[in-house]
């Protein structure tokens, strides 16, 4: 099992061959916040109340894992009919939830791509809604492949999605680096054999990757 890195290494790691670097997308490369999308439908105050009272993250995760949005909305409206406008408003205004690119991390992607490092994405994202990101963020074209949980019917931290990742990239995960902002995902990635880095901010990520011998310029 590869050790999980959730802190900055204290000394330079021995440089090793890196077969690929794999990035999570949401809140690593793209700032995602459901509040603006819901607020577009019901107003900021109601959106705040909705997100406090409704278990949005658990509900959204089921769509990330492959449930259809029609099915997800209908189930939520049945259990929470007073929040129907907020529930249906999120998908209708999904573009508002993609606040923008995290430019410092995107720059790391561009530098790695220019250096010829194979890049992949592994994201928990609804297959129905991922085209919105594809059309907006041109840097996604720098990835050789992006594994989208909603297309696969399984989401992180389920071990099965890392098995899919290995099949898609066609190489052992032991030589790959994985970056994610979710600790459960990092732990699962480490158990799957990846050198897993918990994303906290871009400055630390750049340092972590440089310490692993990747060709990045100092910030």
C-alpha atoms as a PDB file:
ATOM      1  CA  UNK A   1       0.000   0.000   0.000  1.00  0.00           C
ATOM      2  CA  UNK A   2       1.278   3.472  -0.849  1.00  0.00           C
ATOM      3  CA  UNK A   3       1.439   5.863   2.069  1.00  0.00           C
ATOM      4  CA  UNK A   4      -1.045   8.723   2.002  1.00  0.00           C
ATOM      5  CA  UNK A   5       0.457  12.215   2.049  1.00  0.00           C
ATOM      6  CA  UNK A   6      -1.774  14.720   3.826  1.00  0.00           C
ATOM      7  CA  UNK A   7       1.065  17.039   4.794  1.00  0.00           C
ATOM      8  CA  UNK A   8       4.093  18.536   3.113  1.00  0.00           C
ATOM      9  CA  UNK A   9       7.157  16.281   3.055  1.00  0.00           C
ATOM     10  CA  UNK A  10       9.883  17.512   5.414  1.00  0.00           C
ATOM     11  CA  UNK A  11      12.720  16.601   3.043  1.00  0.00           C
ATOM     12  CA  UNK A  12      13.103  16.100  -0.666  1.00  0.00           C
ATOM     13  CA  UNK A  13      11.839  12.713  -1.776  1.00  0.00           C
ATOM     14  CA  UNK A  14      14.049  10.522  -3.890  1.00  0.00           C
ATOM     15  CA  UNK A  15      13.097  11.338  -7.502  1.00  0.00           C
ATOM     16  CA  UNK A  16      11.211   8.463  -9.077  1.00  0.00           C
ATOM     17  CA  UNK A  17       9.675   7.969 -12.470  1.00  0.00           C
ATOM     18  CA  UNK A  18       6.122   9.301 -12.449  1.00  0.00           C
ATOM     19  CA  UNK A  19       3.875   7.465 -14.890  1.00  0.00           C
ATOM     20  CA  UNK A  20       0.988   9.914 -14.612  1.00  0.00           C
ATOM     21  CA  UNK A  21      -0.531  12.655 -12.484  1.00  0.00           C
ATOM     22  CA  UNK A  22      -4.257  12.339 -11.800  1.00  0.00           C
ATOM     23  CA  UNK A  23      -6.324  15.343 -10.706  1.00  0.00           C
ATOM     24  CA  UNK A  24      -9.682  15.632  -9.053  1.00  0.00           C
ATOM     25  CA  UNK A  25     -11.567  18.549 -10.630  1.00  0.00           C
ATOM     26  CA  UNK A  26     -14.067  20.088  -8.224  1.00  0.00           C
ATOM     27  CA  UNK A  27     -12.391  22.503  -5.794  1.00  0.00           C
ATOM     28  CA  UNK A  28      -8.962  21.452  -7.056  1.00  0.00           C
ATOM     29  CA  UNK A  29      -9.126  22.870 -10.585  1.00  0.00           C
ATOM     30  CA  UNK A  30     -12.659  24.322 -10.664  1.00  0.00           C
ATOM     31  CA  UNK A  31     -14.291  26.128  -7.756  1.00  0.00           C
ATOM     32  CA  UNK A  32     -17.683  24.511  -7.168  1.00  0.00           C
ATOM     33  CA  UNK A  33     -20.351  25.940  -4.866  1.00  0.00           C
ATOM     34  CA  UNK A  34     -24.027  24.923  -5.117  1.00  0.00           C
ATOM     35  CA  UNK A  35     -25.251  28.069  -3.372  1.00  0.00           C
ATOM     36  CA  UNK A  36     -25.183  30.426  -6.395  1.00  0.00           C
ATOM     37  CA  UNK A  37     -27.101  27.917  -8.523  1.00  0.00           C
ATOM     38  CA  UNK A  38     -29.817  27.433  -5.908  1.00  0.00           C
ATOM     39  CA  UNK A  39     -29.893  31.168  -5.151  1.00  0.00           C
ATOM     40  CA  UNK A  40     -30.624  31.892  -8.800  1.00  0.00           C
ATOM     41  CA  UNK A  41     -33.901  29.990  -8.323  1.00  0.00           C
ATOM     42  CA  UNK A  42     -34.994  30.951  -4.801  1.00  0.00           C
ATOM     43  CA  UNK A  43     -32.809  33.847  -3.641  1.00  0.00           C
ATOM     44  CA  UNK A  44     -29.701  33.872  -1.492  1.00  0.00           C
ATOM     45  CA  UNK A  45     -31.425  33.685   1.901  1.00  0.00           C
ATOM     46  CA  UNK A  46     -33.612  30.733   0.944  1.00  0.00           C
ATOM     47  CA  UNK A  47     -30.661  28.991  -0.684  1.00  0.00           C
ATOM     48  CA  UNK A  48     -28.713  29.274   2.565  1.00  0.00           C
ATOM     49  CA  UNK A  49     -31.640  27.807   4.518  1.00  0.00           C
ATOM     50  CA  UNK A  50     -32.099  25.013   1.997  1.00  0.00           C
ATOM     51  CA  UNK A  51     -28.443  23.975   2.098  1.00  0.00           C
ATOM     52  CA  UNK A  52     -28.500  24.036   5.900  1.00  0.00           C
ATOM     53  CA  UNK A  53     -31.656  21.923   6.223  1.00  0.00           C
ATOM     54  CA  UNK A  54     -31.373  19.550   3.253  1.00  0.00           C
ATOM     55  CA  UNK A  55     -28.569  16.981   3.022  1.00  0.00           C
ATOM     56  CA  UNK A  56     -27.476  18.314  -0.342  1.00  0.00           C
ATOM     57  CA  UNK A  57     -24.067  16.640  -0.470  1.00  0.00           C
ATOM     58  CA  UNK A  58     -25.442  13.131   0.120  1.00  0.00           C
ATOM     59  CA  UNK A  59     -28.228  13.721  -2.414  1.00  0.00           C
ATOM     60  CA  UNK A  60     -25.850  15.119  -5.014  1.00  0.00           C
ATOM     61  CA  UNK A  61     -23.449  12.216  -4.479  1.00  0.00           C
ATOM     62  CA  UNK A  62     -26.101   9.785  -5.747  1.00  0.00           C
ATOM     63  CA  UNK A  63     -26.259  11.674  -9.047  1.00  0.00           C
ATOM     64  CA  UNK A  64     -22.449  11.659  -9.126  1.00  0.00           C
ATOM     65  CA  UNK A  65     -22.670   7.880  -8.722  1.00  0.00           C
ATOM     66  CA  UNK A  66     -24.960   7.519 -11.713  1.00  0.00           C
ATOM     67  CA  UNK A  67     -28.530   8.216 -10.628  1.00  0.00           C
ATOM     68  CA  UNK A  68     -30.400  10.295 -13.186  1.00  0.00           C
ATOM     69  CA  UNK A  69     -31.230  13.880 -12.355  1.00  0.00           C
ATOM     70  CA  UNK A  70     -34.893  13.285 -13.100  1.00  0.00           C
ATOM     71  CA  UNK A  71     -34.880  10.444 -10.583  1.00  0.00           C
ATOM     72  CA  UNK A  72     -32.884  12.408  -8.036  1.00  0.00           C
ATOM     73  CA  UNK A  73     -35.106  15.445  -8.228  1.00  0.00           C
ATOM     74  CA  UNK A  74     -38.310  13.419  -8.038  1.00  0.00           C
ATOM     75  CA  UNK A  75     -37.083  11.537  -4.955  1.00  0.00           C
ATOM     76  CA  UNK A  76     -36.042  14.747  -3.206  1.00  0.00           C
ATOM     77  CA  UNK A  77     -39.264  16.558  -4.032  1.00  0.00           C
ATOM     78  CA  UNK A  78     -41.265  13.607  -2.681  1.00  0.00           C
ATOM     79  CA  UNK A  79     -39.424  13.737   0.646  1.00  0.00           C
ATOM     80  CA  UNK A  80     -39.067  17.536   0.811  1.00  0.00           C
ATOM     81  CA  UNK A  81     -41.945  19.034  -1.233  1.00  0.00           C
ATOM     82  CA  UNK A  82     -41.542  22.480   0.365  1.00  0.00           C
ATOM     83  CA  UNK A  83     -38.082  22.734  -1.199  1.00  0.00           C
ATOM     84  CA  UNK A  84     -39.129  21.818  -4.740  1.00  0.00           C
ATOM     85  CA  UNK A  85     -38.063  25.128  -6.272  1.00  0.00           C
ATOM     86  CA  UNK A  86     -34.619  24.899  -4.669  1.00  0.00           C
ATOM     87  CA  UNK A  87     -34.193  21.235  -5.582  1.00  0.00           C
ATOM     88  CA  UNK A  88     -35.092  21.704  -9.229  1.00  0.00           C
ATOM     89  CA  UNK A  89     -33.320  25.053  -9.388  1.00  0.00           C
ATOM     90  CA  UNK A  90     -29.878  23.583  -8.799  1.00  0.00           C
ATOM     91  CA  UNK A  91     -29.742  21.573 -12.024  1.00  0.00           C
ATOM     92  CA  UNK A  92     -31.544  24.280 -13.986  1.00  0.00           C
ATOM     93  CA  UNK A  93     -28.857  26.783 -12.999  1.00  0.00           C
ATOM     94  CA  UNK A  94     -25.931  24.389 -12.656  1.00  0.00           C
ATOM     95  CA  UNK A  95     -23.547  26.667 -14.534  1.00  0.00           C
ATOM     96  CA  UNK A  96     -23.789  29.155 -11.668  1.00  0.00           C
ATOM     97  CA  UNK A  97     -22.240  26.574  -9.320  1.00  0.00           C
ATOM     98  CA  UNK A  98     -19.023  26.527 -11.378  1.00  0.00           C
ATOM     99  CA  UNK A  99     -17.610  29.689  -9.894  1.00  0.00           C
ATOM    100  CA  UNK A 100     -14.421  29.627 -11.959  1.00  0.00           C
ATOM    101  CA  UNK A 101     -11.090  27.981 -12.618  1.00  0.00           C
ATOM    102  CA  UNK A 102      -8.535  27.788  -9.816  1.00  0.00           C
ATOM    103  CA  UNK A 103      -5.898  29.419 -11.963  1.00  0.00           C
ATOM    104  CA  UNK A 104      -2.826  28.543  -9.911  1.00  0.00           C
ATOM    105  CA  UNK A 105      -3.676  24.840 -10.110  1.00  0.00           C
ATOM    106  CA  UNK A 106      -4.507  25.132 -13.789  1.00  0.00           C
ATOM    107  CA  UNK A 107      -1.048  26.598 -14.299  1.00  0.00           C
ATOM    108  CA  UNK A 108       0.451  23.479 -12.714  1.00  0.00           C
ATOM    109  CA  UNK A 109      -1.528  21.374 -15.177  1.00  0.00           C
ATOM    110  CA  UNK A 110      -0.266  23.465 -18.087  1.00  0.00           C
ATOM    111  CA  UNK A 111       3.350  23.159 -16.943  1.00  0.00           C
ATOM    112  CA  UNK A 112       3.104  19.386 -16.486  1.00  0.00           C
ATOM    113  CA  UNK A 113       1.455  19.028 -19.890  1.00  0.00           C
ATOM    114  CA  UNK A 114       4.185  21.106 -21.539  1.00  0.00           C
ATOM    115  CA  UNK A 115       6.781  18.843 -19.903  1.00  0.00           C
ATOM    116  CA  UNK A 116       5.136  15.749 -21.386  1.00  0.00           C
ATOM    117  CA  UNK A 117       3.776  14.326 -18.116  1.00  0.00           C
ATOM    118  CA  UNK A 118       0.671  12.166 -18.785  1.00  0.00           C
ATOM    119  CA  UNK A 119      -2.355  13.781 -17.129  1.00  0.00           C
ATOM    120  CA  UNK A 120      -5.719  12.281 -16.212  1.00  0.00           C
ATOM    121  CA  UNK A 121      -8.816  13.442 -14.381  1.00  0.00           C
ATOM    122  CA  UNK A 122     -10.830  11.440 -11.854  1.00  0.00           C
ATOM    123  CA  UNK A 123     -13.910  13.333 -10.761  1.00  0.00           C
ATOM    124  CA  UNK A 124     -17.138  12.782  -8.893  1.00  0.00           C
ATOM    125  CA  UNK A 125     -19.496  14.510 -11.304  1.00  0.00           C
ATOM    126  CA  UNK A 126     -22.876  13.801 -12.835  1.00  0.00           C
ATOM    127  CA  UNK A 127     -22.507  12.478 -16.349  1.00  0.00           C
ATOM    128  CA  UNK A 128     -25.471  14.601 -17.396  1.00  0.00           C
ATOM    129  CA  UNK A 129     -23.912  17.829 -16.131  1.00  0.00           C
ATOM    130  CA  UNK A 130     -20.248  17.295 -16.985  1.00  0.00           C
ATOM    131  CA  UNK A 131     -20.639  18.717 -20.520  1.00  0.00           C
ATOM    132  CA  UNK A 132     -21.198  22.128 -18.901  1.00  0.00           C
ATOM    133  CA  UNK A 133     -17.630  22.006 -17.559  1.00  0.00           C
ATOM    134  CA  UNK A 134     -16.251  20.610 -20.818  1.00  0.00           C
ATOM    135  CA  UNK A 135     -17.663  23.524 -22.778  1.00  0.00           C
ATOM    136  CA  UNK A 136     -16.427  26.189 -20.369  1.00  0.00           C
ATOM    137  CA  UNK A 137     -12.922  25.131 -19.306  1.00  0.00           C
ATOM    138  CA  UNK A 138     -10.521  24.662 -22.185  1.00  0.00           C
ATOM    139  CA  UNK A 139      -7.745  23.263 -19.986  1.00  0.00           C
ATOM    140  CA  UNK A 140      -9.731  20.032 -19.623  1.00  0.00           C
ATOM    141  CA  UNK A 141      -8.540  19.189 -23.151  1.00  0.00           C
ATOM    142  CA  UNK A 142      -5.010  18.805 -21.730  1.00  0.00           C
ATOM    143  CA  UNK A 143      -6.003  15.559 -20.005  1.00  0.00           C
ATOM    144  CA  UNK A 144      -5.492  12.314 -21.870  1.00  0.00           C
ATOM    145  CA  UNK A 145      -8.699  11.021 -20.321  1.00  0.00           C
ATOM    146  CA  UNK A 146     -11.148  12.069 -17.607  1.00  0.00           C
ATOM    147  CA  UNK A 147     -12.963   9.383 -15.643  1.00  0.00           C
ATOM    148  CA  UNK A 148     -16.372  10.831 -14.718  1.00  0.00           C
ATOM    149  CA  UNK A 149     -18.100   8.951 -11.916  1.00  0.00           C
ATOM    150  CA  UNK A 150     -21.582   9.537 -13.273  1.00  0.00           C
ATOM    151  CA  UNK A 151     -20.658   7.806 -16.524  1.00  0.00           C
ATOM    152  CA  UNK A 152     -19.154   4.867 -14.645  1.00  0.00           C
ATOM    153  CA  UNK A 153     -21.989   4.417 -12.130  1.00  0.00           C
ATOM    154  CA  UNK A 154     -19.633   4.515  -9.146  1.00  0.00           C
ATOM    155  CA  UNK A 155     -18.071   7.418  -7.251  1.00  0.00           C
ATOM    156  CA  UNK A 156     -15.073   8.028  -5.013  1.00  0.00           C
ATOM    157  CA  UNK A 157     -14.207   6.799  -2.427  1.00  0.00           C
ATOM    158  CA  UNK A 158     -15.531   3.446  -3.698  1.00  0.00           C
ATOM    159  CA  UNK A 159     -12.554   1.201  -4.515  1.00  0.00           C
ATOM    160  CA  UNK A 160     -14.194   0.200  -7.795  1.00  0.00           C
ATOM    161  CA  UNK A 161     -13.589   3.586  -9.382  1.00  0.00           C
ATOM    162  CA  UNK A 162      -9.848   3.209  -8.847  1.00  0.00           C
ATOM    163  CA  UNK A 163     -10.001  -0.156 -10.596  1.00  0.00           C
ATOM    164  CA  UNK A 164     -11.717   1.610 -13.503  1.00  0.00           C
ATOM    165  CA  UNK A 165      -8.995   4.260 -13.404  1.00  0.00           C
ATOM    166  CA  UNK A 166      -6.286   1.625 -13.724  1.00  0.00           C
ATOM    167  CA  UNK A 167      -8.049  -0.013 -16.673  1.00  0.00           C
ATOM    168  CA  UNK A 168      -8.478   3.333 -18.430  1.00  0.00           C
ATOM    169  CA  UNK A 169      -4.901   4.529 -18.023  1.00  0.00           C
ATOM    170  CA  UNK A 170      -3.466   1.098 -18.812  1.00  0.00           C
ATOM    171  CA  UNK A 171      -0.709   1.135 -16.207  1.00  0.00           C
ATOM    172  CA  UNK A 172      -0.083   0.295 -12.565  1.00  0.00           C
ATOM    173  CA  UNK A 173      -1.309   2.886 -10.100  1.00  0.00           C
ATOM    174  CA  UNK A 174       1.882   2.490  -8.059  1.00  0.00           C
ATOM    175  CA  UNK A 175       3.713   4.912 -10.340  1.00  0.00           C
ATOM    176  CA  UNK A 176       0.961   7.527 -10.362  1.00  0.00           C
ATOM    177  CA  UNK A 177       0.265  10.604  -8.243  1.00  0.00           C
ATOM    178  CA  UNK A 178      -3.314  11.461  -7.288  1.00  0.00           C
ATOM    179  CA  UNK A 179      -4.522  14.863  -6.040  1.00  0.00           C
ATOM    180  CA  UNK A 180      -7.889  15.377  -4.325  1.00  0.00           C
ATOM    181  CA  UNK A 181      -9.386  17.736  -1.755  1.00  0.00           C
ATOM    182  CA  UNK A 182     -11.405  15.016   0.038  1.00  0.00           C
ATOM    183  CA  UNK A 183      -9.685  13.031   2.791  1.00  0.00           C
ATOM    184  CA  UNK A 184     -11.867   9.894   2.316  1.00  0.00           C
ATOM    185  CA  UNK A 185     -10.909   9.908  -1.374  1.00  0.00           C
ATOM    186  CA  UNK A 186      -7.242  10.321  -0.503  1.00  0.00           C
ATOM    187  CA  UNK A 187      -7.349   7.396   1.910  1.00  0.00           C
ATOM    188  CA  UNK A 188      -9.066   5.198  -0.686  1.00  0.00           C
ATOM    189  CA  UNK A 189      -6.544   6.229  -3.326  1.00  0.00           C
ATOM    190  CA  UNK A 190      -3.652   5.336  -1.046  1.00  0.00           C
ATOM    191  CA  UNK A 191      -5.182   1.924  -0.409  1.00  0.00           C
ATOM    192  CA  UNK A 192      -5.435   1.454  -4.181  1.00  0.00           C
ATOM    193  CA  UNK A 193      -1.694   2.060  -4.524  1.00  0.00           C
ATOM    194  CA  UNK A 194      -1.564   5.702  -5.596  1.00  0.00           C
ATOM    195  CA  UNK A 195       0.799   8.286  -4.168  1.00  0.00           C
ATOM    196  CA  UNK A 196      -2.062  10.415  -2.841  1.00  0.00           C
ATOM    197  CA  UNK A 197      -1.729  14.119  -2.021  1.00  0.00           C
ATOM    198  CA  UNK A 198      -4.427  15.946  -0.080  1.00  0.00           C
ATOM    199  CA  UNK A 199      -5.035  19.279  -1.807  1.00  0.00           C
ATOM    200  CA  UNK A 200      -5.148  22.177   0.625  1.00  0.00           C
ATOM    201  CA  UNK A 201      -3.853  25.029  -1.509  1.00  0.00           C
ATOM    202  CA  UNK A 202      -1.915  25.489  -4.708  1.00  0.00           C
ATOM    203  CA  UNK A 203       1.331  26.636  -3.133  1.00  0.00           C
ATOM    204  CA  UNK A 204       1.586  23.465  -1.114  1.00  0.00           C
ATOM    205  CA  UNK A 205       0.653  21.341  -4.123  1.00  0.00           C
ATOM    206  CA  UNK A 206       3.398  22.853  -6.243  1.00  0.00           C
ATOM    207  CA  UNK A 207       5.879  22.165  -3.447  1.00  0.00           C
ATOM    208  CA  UNK A 208       4.651  18.590  -2.996  1.00  0.00           C
ATOM    209  CA  UNK A 209       5.035  17.869  -6.705  1.00  0.00           C
ATOM    210  CA  UNK A 210       8.449  19.484  -6.961  1.00  0.00           C
ATOM    211  CA  UNK A 211       9.652  17.410  -4.008  1.00  0.00           C
ATOM    212  CA  UNK A 212       8.631  14.357  -6.017  1.00  0.00           C
ATOM    213  CA  UNK A 213      10.881  15.464  -8.843  1.00  0.00           C
ATOM    214  CA  UNK A 214       8.240  16.814 -11.204  1.00  0.00           C
ATOM    215  CA  UNK A 215       9.367  19.560 -13.611  1.00  0.00           C
ATOM    216  CA  UNK A 216       7.671  22.617 -12.149  1.00  0.00           C
ATOM    217  CA  UNK A 217       9.096  26.069 -11.690  1.00  0.00           C
ATOM    218  CA  UNK A 218       9.065  27.577  -8.179  1.00  0.00           C
ATOM    219  CA  UNK A 219       6.090  29.790  -7.515  1.00  0.00           C
END
